[in-house]
């Protein structure tokens, strides 16, 4: 199950979640609309943020699919480097529970 199918489970936690892409904003907007996504896709066409997070490197054409769990204080609590798009929504819900992330009231 994907983020879209597991959005309700993710939103049960006090989190902001999104995906990020090195594609231009217009491309991401069309993609999100075509899939009827209920979460944003952030655009990083300069690749500066992707470089800072290590998901792109010189010579690599596509960013890696990694998930960062970042606390409200800005500290990275976990990084999942084994992302499988089709099942990752379920994995995110499990990881939030494992991290004892606060649920919404």
C-alpha atoms as a PDB file:
ATOM      1  CA  UNK A   1       0.000   0.000   0.000  1.00  0.00           C
ATOM      2  CA  UNK A   2       1.245   3.464  -0.843  1.00  0.00           C
ATOM      3  CA  UNK A   3       1.204   6.785   0.963  1.00  0.00           C
ATOM      4  CA  UNK A   4      -2.112   7.577  -0.682  1.00  0.00           C
ATOM      5  CA  UNK A   5      -3.774   4.395   0.573  1.00  0.00           C
ATOM      6  CA  UNK A   6      -2.263   4.799   4.056  1.00  0.00           C
ATOM      7  CA  UNK A   7      -2.732   8.527   4.478  1.00  0.00           C
ATOM      8  CA  UNK A   8      -5.348   8.056   7.194  1.00  0.00           C
ATOM      9  CA  UNK A   9      -2.936   5.942   9.269  1.00  0.00           C
ATOM     10  CA  UNK A  10      -0.116   8.444   8.833  1.00  0.00           C
ATOM     11  CA  UNK A  11      -2.355  11.416   9.608  1.00  0.00           C
ATOM     12  CA  UNK A  12      -3.381   9.746  12.892  1.00  0.00           C
ATOM     13  CA  UNK A  13       0.034  10.951  14.100  1.00  0.00           C
ATOM     14  CA  UNK A  14       1.009  14.561  14.729  1.00  0.00           C
ATOM     15  CA  UNK A  15       3.135  14.765  11.573  1.00  0.00           C
ATOM     16  CA  UNK A  16       3.501  16.696   8.374  1.00  0.00           C
ATOM     17  CA  UNK A  17       4.357  14.356   5.541  1.00  0.00           C
ATOM     18  CA  UNK A  18       5.254  14.945   1.932  1.00  0.00           C
ATOM     19  CA  UNK A  19       7.453  13.636  -0.813  1.00  0.00           C
ATOM     20  CA  UNK A  20      10.214  15.557  -2.538  1.00  0.00           C
ATOM     21  CA  UNK A  21      11.410  15.443  -6.105  1.00  0.00           C
ATOM     22  CA  UNK A  22      14.110  17.063  -8.195  1.00  0.00           C
ATOM     23  CA  UNK A  23      11.545  17.614 -10.949  1.00  0.00           C
ATOM     24  CA  UNK A  24      10.119  21.088 -11.612  1.00  0.00           C
ATOM     25  CA  UNK A  25       7.029  22.193  -9.699  1.00  0.00           C
ATOM     26  CA  UNK A  26       4.732  21.971 -12.759  1.00  0.00           C
ATOM     27  CA  UNK A  27       5.774  18.370 -13.403  1.00  0.00           C
ATOM     28  CA  UNK A  28       5.170  17.413  -9.772  1.00  0.00           C
ATOM     29  CA  UNK A  29       1.810  19.175  -9.723  1.00  0.00           C
ATOM     30  CA  UNK A  30       0.610  17.296 -12.828  1.00  0.00           C
ATOM     31  CA  UNK A  31       1.863  14.002 -11.369  1.00  0.00           C
ATOM     32  CA  UNK A  32       0.131  14.622  -8.017  1.00  0.00           C
ATOM     33  CA  UNK A  33      -3.114  15.573  -9.743  1.00  0.00           C
ATOM     34  CA  UNK A  34      -3.009  12.528 -12.041  1.00  0.00           C
ATOM     35  CA  UNK A  35      -2.756  10.230  -8.998  1.00  0.00           C
ATOM     36  CA  UNK A  36      -5.138  12.296  -6.848  1.00  0.00           C
ATOM     37  CA  UNK A  37      -2.543  12.511  -4.078  1.00  0.00           C
ATOM     38  CA  UNK A  38      -3.620  13.954  -0.729  1.00  0.00           C
ATOM     39  CA  UNK A  39      -0.120  15.057   0.240  1.00  0.00           C
ATOM     40  CA  UNK A  40       2.266  17.548  -1.373  1.00  0.00           C
ATOM     41  CA  UNK A  41       5.259  16.855  -3.570  1.00  0.00           C
ATOM     42  CA  UNK A  42       7.971  19.417  -2.925  1.00  0.00           C
ATOM     43  CA  UNK A  43      10.205  20.445  -5.830  1.00  0.00           C
ATOM     44  CA  UNK A  44      13.986  20.752  -5.655  1.00  0.00           C
ATOM     45  CA  UNK A  45      15.059  21.274  -9.285  1.00  0.00           C
ATOM     46  CA  UNK A  46      18.369  22.822  -8.176  1.00  0.00           C
ATOM     47  CA  UNK A  47      19.066  19.568  -6.261  1.00  0.00           C
ATOM     48  CA  UNK A  48      20.599  21.567  -3.402  1.00  0.00           C
ATOM     49  CA  UNK A  49      18.386  20.070  -0.704  1.00  0.00           C
ATOM     50  CA  UNK A  50      18.711  16.587  -2.203  1.00  0.00           C
ATOM     51  CA  UNK A  51      22.500  16.975  -2.142  1.00  0.00           C
ATOM     52  CA  UNK A  52      22.418  18.148   1.471  1.00  0.00           C
ATOM     53  CA  UNK A  53      20.394  15.086   2.490  1.00  0.00           C
ATOM     54  CA  UNK A  54      22.612  12.743   0.484  1.00  0.00           C
ATOM     55  CA  UNK A  55      19.928  11.398  -1.834  1.00  0.00           C
ATOM     56  CA  UNK A  56      21.751  12.599  -4.952  1.00  0.00           C
ATOM     57  CA  UNK A  57      25.426  12.577  -5.744  1.00  0.00           C
ATOM     58  CA  UNK A  58      27.527  13.561  -8.719  1.00  0.00           C
ATOM     59  CA  UNK A  59      26.939  11.136 -11.564  1.00  0.00           C
ATOM     60  CA  UNK A  60      23.611   9.849 -10.190  1.00  0.00           C
ATOM     61  CA  UNK A  61      20.698  10.850 -12.412  1.00  0.00           C
ATOM     62  CA  UNK A  62      17.828   9.998 -10.055  1.00  0.00           C
ATOM     63  CA  UNK A  63      17.500  10.708  -6.330  1.00  0.00           C
ATOM     64  CA  UNK A  64      17.352   7.780  -3.956  1.00  0.00           C
ATOM     65  CA  UNK A  65      14.007   7.093  -2.293  1.00  0.00           C
ATOM     66  CA  UNK A  66      14.780   7.597   1.363  1.00  0.00           C
ATOM     67  CA  UNK A  67      12.417   8.599   4.155  1.00  0.00           C
ATOM     68  CA  UNK A  68      13.589  10.933   6.899  1.00  0.00           C
ATOM     69  CA  UNK A  69      11.778  11.082  10.230  1.00  0.00           C
ATOM     70  CA  UNK A  70      12.489  14.535  11.612  1.00  0.00           C
ATOM     71  CA  UNK A  71      11.344  15.592  15.075  1.00  0.00           C
ATOM     72  CA  UNK A  72       9.749  18.926  15.839  1.00  0.00           C
ATOM     73  CA  UNK A  73      13.144  20.107  17.086  1.00  0.00           C
ATOM     74  CA  UNK A  74      14.633  19.490  13.614  1.00  0.00           C
ATOM     75  CA  UNK A  75      16.677  16.464  14.702  1.00  0.00           C
ATOM     76  CA  UNK A  76      16.715  13.498  12.328  1.00  0.00           C
ATOM     77  CA  UNK A  77      15.358  10.588  14.368  1.00  0.00           C
ATOM     78  CA  UNK A  78      15.579   7.887  11.701  1.00  0.00           C
ATOM     79  CA  UNK A  79      16.293   7.358   8.020  1.00  0.00           C
ATOM     80  CA  UNK A  80      14.700   4.562   6.034  1.00  0.00           C
ATOM     81  CA  UNK A  81      16.890   3.689   3.056  1.00  0.00           C
ATOM     82  CA  UNK A  82      14.862   0.620   2.041  1.00  0.00           C
ATOM     83  CA  UNK A  83      11.827   2.354   0.545  1.00  0.00           C
ATOM     84  CA  UNK A  84       9.480   0.311  -1.634  1.00  0.00           C
ATOM     85  CA  UNK A  85       6.868   2.701  -3.015  1.00  0.00           C
ATOM     86  CA  UNK A  86       4.074   0.133  -3.123  1.00  0.00           C
ATOM     87  CA  UNK A  87       4.263  -0.727   0.583  1.00  0.00           C
ATOM     88  CA  UNK A  88       5.973   2.248   2.146  1.00  0.00           C
ATOM     89  CA  UNK A  89       2.852   3.821   3.635  1.00  0.00           C
ATOM     90  CA  UNK A  90       2.432   0.797   5.912  1.00  0.00           C
ATOM     91  CA  UNK A  91       6.109   0.960   6.866  1.00  0.00           C
ATOM     92  CA  UNK A  92       5.809   4.647   7.771  1.00  0.00           C
ATOM     93  CA  UNK A  93       2.897   3.942  10.109  1.00  0.00           C
ATOM     94  CA  UNK A  94       4.902   1.140  11.768  1.00  0.00           C
ATOM     95  CA  UNK A  95       7.971   3.362  12.123  1.00  0.00           C
ATOM     96  CA  UNK A  96       5.967   6.207  13.681  1.00  0.00           C
ATOM     97  CA  UNK A  97       4.621   3.743  16.251  1.00  0.00           C
ATOM     98  CA  UNK A  98       8.137   2.392  16.876  1.00  0.00           C
ATOM     99  CA  UNK A  99       9.434   5.931  17.401  1.00  0.00           C
ATOM    100  CA  UNK A 100       6.539   6.495  19.815  1.00  0.00           C
ATOM    101  CA  UNK A 101       5.479   9.487  17.777  1.00  0.00           C
ATOM    102  CA  UNK A 102       2.675  11.503  19.350  1.00  0.00           C
ATOM    103  CA  UNK A 103      -0.767  10.765  17.980  1.00  0.00           C
ATOM    104  CA  UNK A 104      -3.281  13.519  17.303  1.00  0.00           C
ATOM    105  CA  UNK A 105      -5.956  14.012  19.933  1.00  0.00           C
END
